[in-house]
N, C-alpha and C. Protein backbone atom coordinates (compact mmCIF):
# COMPACT_ATOMS: atom_id res chain seq x y z
N UNK A 1 7.29 -37.35 -18.13
CA UNK A 1 8.09 -37.60 -16.94
C UNK A 1 7.35 -37.03 -15.73
N UNK A 2 7.16 -37.81 -14.68
CA UNK A 2 6.46 -37.32 -13.50
C UNK A 2 7.26 -36.24 -12.76
N UNK A 3 6.54 -35.43 -12.02
CA UNK A 3 7.17 -34.37 -11.24
C UNK A 3 8.07 -34.97 -10.17
N UNK A 4 9.18 -34.30 -9.90
CA UNK A 4 10.10 -34.75 -8.86
C UNK A 4 9.78 -34.10 -7.53
N UNK A 5 8.76 -33.24 -7.51
CA UNK A 5 8.39 -32.53 -6.29
C UNK A 5 7.36 -33.33 -5.50
N UNK A 6 7.44 -33.21 -4.19
CA UNK A 6 6.51 -33.90 -3.31
C UNK A 6 5.09 -33.34 -3.47
N UNK A 7 4.98 -32.02 -3.56
CA UNK A 7 3.67 -31.36 -3.68
C UNK A 7 3.58 -30.64 -5.02
N UNK A 8 2.36 -30.58 -5.56
CA UNK A 8 2.19 -29.89 -6.84
C UNK A 8 2.26 -28.37 -6.64
N UNK A 9 2.61 -27.66 -7.67
CA UNK A 9 2.73 -26.21 -7.62
C UNK A 9 1.36 -25.56 -7.47
N UNK A 10 1.31 -24.46 -6.74
CA UNK A 10 0.09 -23.65 -6.60
C UNK A 10 0.39 -22.29 -7.20
N UNK A 11 -0.63 -21.63 -7.68
CA UNK A 11 -0.42 -20.34 -8.34
C UNK A 11 -1.08 -19.23 -7.53
N UNK A 12 -0.35 -18.18 -7.29
CA UNK A 12 -0.88 -16.95 -6.73
C UNK A 12 -0.26 -15.83 -7.54
N UNK A 13 -0.90 -14.67 -7.58
CA UNK A 13 -0.46 -13.62 -8.48
C UNK A 13 -0.35 -12.26 -7.80
N UNK A 14 0.65 -12.07 -6.95
CA UNK A 14 0.86 -10.73 -6.38
C UNK A 14 1.41 -9.82 -7.47
N UNK A 15 1.21 -8.51 -7.31
CA UNK A 15 1.79 -7.61 -8.31
C UNK A 15 3.32 -7.68 -8.21
N UNK A 16 3.99 -7.26 -9.27
CA UNK A 16 5.45 -7.41 -9.36
C UNK A 16 6.20 -6.72 -8.23
N UNK A 17 5.78 -5.51 -7.89
CA UNK A 17 6.49 -4.76 -6.84
C UNK A 17 6.33 -5.45 -5.49
N UNK A 18 5.12 -5.87 -5.16
CA UNK A 18 4.89 -6.57 -3.90
C UNK A 18 5.72 -7.84 -3.84
N UNK A 19 5.77 -8.59 -4.93
CA UNK A 19 6.54 -9.83 -4.96
C UNK A 19 8.02 -9.57 -4.72
N UNK A 20 8.58 -8.56 -5.38
CA UNK A 20 9.99 -8.23 -5.19
C UNK A 20 10.27 -7.83 -3.75
N UNK A 21 9.38 -7.03 -3.16
CA UNK A 21 9.55 -6.62 -1.76
C UNK A 21 9.45 -7.82 -0.82
N UNK A 22 8.53 -8.74 -1.10
CA UNK A 22 8.37 -9.93 -0.27
C UNK A 22 9.60 -10.83 -0.36
N UNK A 23 10.16 -10.97 -1.55
CA UNK A 23 11.39 -11.75 -1.71
C UNK A 23 12.51 -11.13 -0.88
N UNK A 24 12.64 -9.81 -0.94
CA UNK A 24 13.68 -9.12 -0.17
C UNK A 24 13.45 -9.30 1.32
N UNK A 25 12.20 -9.20 1.77
CA UNK A 25 11.88 -9.35 3.19
C UNK A 25 12.22 -10.76 3.66
N UNK A 26 11.85 -11.77 2.90
CA UNK A 26 12.15 -13.16 3.27
C UNK A 26 13.66 -13.37 3.33
N UNK A 27 14.36 -12.84 2.36
CA UNK A 27 15.82 -12.96 2.34
C UNK A 27 16.45 -12.26 3.54
N UNK A 28 15.91 -11.10 3.90
CA UNK A 28 16.44 -10.33 5.04
C UNK A 28 16.39 -11.11 6.34
N UNK A 29 15.44 -12.03 6.47
CA UNK A 29 15.33 -12.83 7.69
C UNK A 29 15.85 -14.26 7.49
N UNK A 30 16.62 -14.46 6.42
CA UNK A 30 17.25 -15.76 6.18
C UNK A 30 16.29 -16.84 5.72
N UNK A 31 15.26 -16.45 4.98
CA UNK A 31 14.26 -17.40 4.52
C UNK A 31 14.06 -17.26 3.01
N UNK A 32 13.00 -17.86 2.51
CA UNK A 32 12.65 -17.74 1.09
C UNK A 32 11.13 -17.70 0.98
N UNK A 33 10.64 -17.35 -0.18
CA UNK A 33 9.20 -17.19 -0.37
C UNK A 33 8.43 -18.47 -0.08
N UNK A 34 8.90 -19.60 -0.55
CA UNK A 34 8.19 -20.85 -0.34
C UNK A 34 8.04 -21.16 1.15
N UNK A 35 9.12 -21.08 1.89
CA UNK A 35 9.07 -21.37 3.33
C UNK A 35 8.15 -20.39 4.05
N UNK A 36 8.21 -19.13 3.67
CA UNK A 36 7.39 -18.13 4.35
C UNK A 36 5.90 -18.32 4.05
N UNK A 37 5.57 -18.61 2.82
CA UNK A 37 4.16 -18.83 2.46
C UNK A 37 3.63 -20.07 3.17
N UNK A 38 4.41 -21.13 3.21
CA UNK A 38 3.97 -22.35 3.91
C UNK A 38 3.76 -22.06 5.39
N UNK A 39 4.68 -21.35 6.02
CA UNK A 39 4.52 -21.04 7.45
C UNK A 39 3.32 -20.14 7.69
N UNK A 40 3.07 -19.18 6.78
CA UNK A 40 1.88 -18.35 6.92
C UNK A 40 0.61 -19.19 6.82
N UNK A 41 0.57 -20.10 5.86
CA UNK A 41 -0.61 -20.95 5.70
C UNK A 41 -0.82 -21.85 6.92
N UNK A 42 0.26 -22.35 7.51
CA UNK A 42 0.15 -23.14 8.74
C UNK A 42 -0.46 -22.30 9.86
N UNK A 43 -0.04 -21.03 9.96
CA UNK A 43 -0.62 -20.12 10.95
C UNK A 43 -2.10 -19.88 10.65
N UNK A 44 -2.42 -19.63 9.37
CA UNK A 44 -3.78 -19.31 8.96
C UNK A 44 -4.78 -20.40 9.32
N UNK A 45 -4.38 -21.65 9.15
CA UNK A 45 -5.30 -22.75 9.45
C UNK A 45 -5.25 -23.20 10.90
N UNK A 46 -4.41 -22.57 11.70
CA UNK A 46 -4.37 -22.86 13.13
C UNK A 46 -3.42 -23.96 13.55
N UNK A 47 -2.52 -24.38 12.66
CA UNK A 47 -1.53 -25.40 13.03
C UNK A 47 -0.46 -24.84 13.97
N UNK A 48 -0.27 -23.53 13.96
CA UNK A 48 0.73 -22.88 14.80
C UNK A 48 0.22 -21.51 15.21
N UNK A 49 0.75 -21.01 16.29
CA UNK A 49 0.42 -19.64 16.72
C UNK A 49 1.52 -18.66 16.34
N UNK A 50 2.57 -19.15 15.69
CA UNK A 50 3.73 -18.33 15.36
C UNK A 50 3.72 -17.92 13.88
N UNK A 51 3.64 -16.63 13.65
CA UNK A 51 3.78 -16.12 12.29
C UNK A 51 5.25 -16.17 11.88
N UNK A 52 5.54 -16.29 10.58
CA UNK A 52 6.94 -16.27 10.16
C UNK A 52 7.58 -14.91 10.47
N UNK A 53 8.87 -14.91 10.63
CA UNK A 53 9.61 -13.68 10.94
C UNK A 53 9.49 -12.67 9.81
N UNK A 54 9.65 -11.40 10.18
CA UNK A 54 9.71 -10.36 9.17
C UNK A 54 10.77 -9.35 9.59
N UNK A 55 11.30 -8.59 8.62
CA UNK A 55 12.34 -7.62 8.96
C UNK A 55 11.82 -6.58 9.96
N UNK A 56 12.73 -6.01 10.73
CA UNK A 56 12.36 -5.01 11.74
C UNK A 56 11.81 -3.74 11.09
N UNK A 57 12.28 -3.42 9.90
CA UNK A 57 11.82 -2.21 9.20
C UNK A 57 11.11 -2.62 7.91
N UNK A 58 10.11 -1.82 7.48
CA UNK A 58 9.42 -2.12 6.22
C UNK A 58 10.39 -2.15 5.04
N UNK A 59 10.11 -3.00 4.07
CA UNK A 59 10.93 -3.09 2.86
C UNK A 59 10.45 -2.05 1.87
N UNK A 60 11.34 -1.13 1.46
CA UNK A 60 10.91 -0.08 0.53
C UNK A 60 10.54 -0.63 -0.84
N UNK A 61 9.66 0.08 -1.49
CA UNK A 61 9.29 -0.24 -2.86
C UNK A 61 10.41 0.21 -3.78
N UNK A 62 10.74 -0.64 -4.76
CA UNK A 62 11.77 -0.26 -5.72
C UNK A 62 11.29 0.85 -6.65
N UNK A 63 9.97 1.00 -6.77
CA UNK A 63 9.43 2.04 -7.64
C UNK A 63 9.55 3.42 -7.03
N UNK A 64 9.25 3.52 -5.72
CA UNK A 64 9.20 4.84 -5.10
C UNK A 64 10.32 5.08 -4.10
N UNK A 65 10.98 3.99 -3.65
CA UNK A 65 12.02 4.14 -2.65
C UNK A 65 11.49 4.26 -1.24
N UNK A 66 10.17 4.18 -1.07
CA UNK A 66 9.58 4.24 0.27
C UNK A 66 8.71 3.01 0.49
N UNK A 67 8.47 2.71 1.74
CA UNK A 67 7.62 1.55 2.06
C UNK A 67 6.18 1.86 1.70
N UNK A 68 5.46 0.84 1.27
CA UNK A 68 4.05 1.01 0.92
C UNK A 68 3.24 1.26 2.18
N UNK A 69 2.21 2.06 2.04
CA UNK A 69 1.28 2.34 3.13
C UNK A 69 0.32 1.17 3.23
N UNK A 70 0.25 0.47 4.40
CA UNK A 70 -0.65 -0.67 4.52
C UNK A 70 -2.11 -0.34 4.18
N UNK A 71 -2.53 0.91 4.38
CA UNK A 71 -3.90 1.29 4.06
C UNK A 71 -4.17 1.20 2.55
N UNK A 72 -3.13 1.34 1.74
CA UNK A 72 -3.29 1.28 0.29
C UNK A 72 -3.65 -0.12 -0.19
N UNK A 73 -3.31 -1.14 0.60
CA UNK A 73 -3.54 -2.52 0.16
C UNK A 73 -4.54 -3.25 1.06
N UNK A 74 -5.24 -2.53 1.91
CA UNK A 74 -6.14 -3.15 2.88
C UNK A 74 -7.27 -3.92 2.24
N UNK A 75 -7.72 -3.54 1.06
CA UNK A 75 -8.85 -4.22 0.43
C UNK A 75 -8.45 -5.32 -0.54
N UNK A 76 -7.20 -5.67 -0.62
CA UNK A 76 -6.76 -6.71 -1.55
C UNK A 76 -6.87 -8.07 -0.95
């Protein structure tokens, strides 16, 4: 049976904690992961100058209860 989706699925592999935090952040601004990733990609390739919205405060990690330090993930 052919796919019912317009576009084929793409695979990316963020770590579990980052993914959970990103889902929470997208939800906090009334969005979802798919919409946010597509809007980021549109910004990345220059189709728009507007980055997708993000929450006013960092989303804490469920493991530590504190927001991740951006310097910890700078090389990823």
